[in-house]
């Protein structure tokens, strides 16, 4: 595309649905990676919360890590949305 949004004559038009199989594969790969990355963040945050809870049993301060767990859930949900989108476009 040119700067003004007009397609030059020598560039072929997009696929009928606007998304090529390669683009669908990229969306699915990105979705799977987002799910894996989100799971890692969630598990990491959960481990820190469990470890600090165990240390706080003796009267120490409990350090609950909610933000990494919420971020992990967010990445998992967005990853599943990307996977669903890639399958709907096929």
Protein backbone atom coordinates (compact mmCIF):
# COMPACT_ATOMS: atom_id res chain seq x y z
CA UNK A 1 0.00 0.00 0.00
CA UNK A 2 1.12 3.52 -0.60
CA UNK A 3 0.93 6.31 1.93
CA UNK A 4 -2.50 7.45 0.76
CA UNK A 5 -4.01 3.94 1.05
CA UNK A 6 -4.24 3.28 -2.70
CA UNK A 7 -3.01 -0.11 -3.86
CA UNK A 8 -0.47 0.16 -6.72
CA UNK A 9 -1.39 -1.78 -9.90
CA UNK A 10 1.44 -4.30 -9.69
CA UNK A 11 0.57 -5.58 -6.20
CA UNK A 12 -1.81 -8.53 -6.23
CA UNK A 13 -4.98 -8.27 -4.16
CA UNK A 14 -5.28 -10.01 -0.81
CA UNK A 15 -6.75 -13.47 -0.35
CA UNK A 16 -10.58 -13.71 -0.61
CA UNK A 17 -11.03 -13.58 3.17
CA UNK A 18 -8.15 -11.14 3.62
CA UNK A 19 -6.04 -13.60 5.60
CA UNK A 20 -3.54 -16.04 4.14
CA UNK A 21 -2.84 -19.47 5.66
CA UNK A 22 0.55 -18.15 6.75
CA UNK A 23 -1.09 -15.31 8.64
CA UNK A 24 -3.48 -17.75 10.33
CA UNK A 25 -0.49 -19.89 11.36
CA UNK A 26 1.25 -16.82 12.77
CA UNK A 27 -1.86 -15.89 14.78
CA UNK A 28 -2.15 -19.40 16.18
CA UNK A 29 1.57 -19.50 17.06
CA UNK A 30 1.33 -16.12 18.80
CA UNK A 31 -1.73 -17.35 20.69
CA UNK A 32 -0.03 -20.53 21.86
CA UNK A 33 3.05 -18.60 22.99
CA UNK A 34 0.85 -16.12 24.86
CA UNK A 35 -0.88 -18.99 26.67
CA UNK A 36 2.46 -20.58 27.60
CA UNK A 37 3.94 -17.25 28.69
CA UNK A 38 0.83 -16.44 30.74
CA UNK A 39 0.90 -19.83 32.42
CA UNK A 40 4.54 -19.27 33.36
CA UNK A 41 3.72 -15.87 34.90
CA UNK A 42 0.73 -17.28 36.77
CA UNK A 43 2.67 -20.26 38.14
CA UNK A 44 5.63 -18.06 39.08
CA UNK A 45 3.38 -15.63 40.96
CA UNK A 46 1.58 -18.51 42.66
CA UNK A 47 4.87 -20.06 43.76
CA UNK A 48 6.09 -16.78 45.27
CA UNK A 49 2.75 -16.36 47.07
CA UNK A 50 2.88 -19.91 48.47
CA UNK A 51 6.52 -19.60 49.56
CA UNK A 52 5.96 -16.26 51.29
CA UNK A 53 2.81 -17.62 52.93
CA UNK A 54 4.86 -20.53 54.31
CA UNK A 55 7.50 -18.13 55.63
CA UNK A 56 4.88 -15.86 57.20
CA UNK A 57 3.47 -18.69 59.34
CA UNK A 58 6.10 -17.98 61.99
CA UNK A 59 4.98 -14.37 62.40
CA UNK A 60 6.72 -12.85 59.39
CA UNK A 61 5.27 -10.62 56.74
CA UNK A 62 3.34 -12.27 53.95
CA UNK A 63 4.16 -10.94 50.50
CA UNK A 64 1.27 -11.85 48.21
CA UNK A 65 2.08 -11.47 44.56
CA UNK A 66 -1.16 -10.75 42.75
CA UNK A 67 0.08 -8.71 39.80
CA UNK A 68 2.06 -11.49 38.06
CA UNK A 69 -0.88 -13.85 38.55
CA UNK A 70 -3.35 -11.36 37.04
CA UNK A 71 -0.94 -10.65 34.19
CA UNK A 72 -0.66 -14.38 33.57
CA UNK A 73 -4.43 -14.76 33.43
CA UNK A 74 -4.62 -11.81 31.04
CA UNK A 75 -2.01 -13.37 28.73
CA UNK A 76 -3.77 -16.76 28.83
CA UNK A 77 -7.13 -15.22 27.92
CA UNK A 78 -5.66 -13.08 25.14
CA UNK A 79 -3.77 -16.12 23.82
CA UNK A 80 -6.96 -18.16 23.64
CA UNK A 81 -8.66 -15.26 21.85
CA UNK A 82 -5.87 -15.22 19.24
CA UNK A 83 -6.18 -18.96 18.75
CA UNK A 84 -9.96 -18.68 18.36
CA UNK A 85 -9.54 -15.81 15.89
CA UNK A 86 -7.07 -17.80 13.80
CA UNK A 87 -9.51 -20.73 13.62
CA UNK A 88 -12.48 -18.51 12.76
CA UNK A 89 -10.60 -17.00 9.83
CA UNK A 90 -10.00 -20.37 8.21
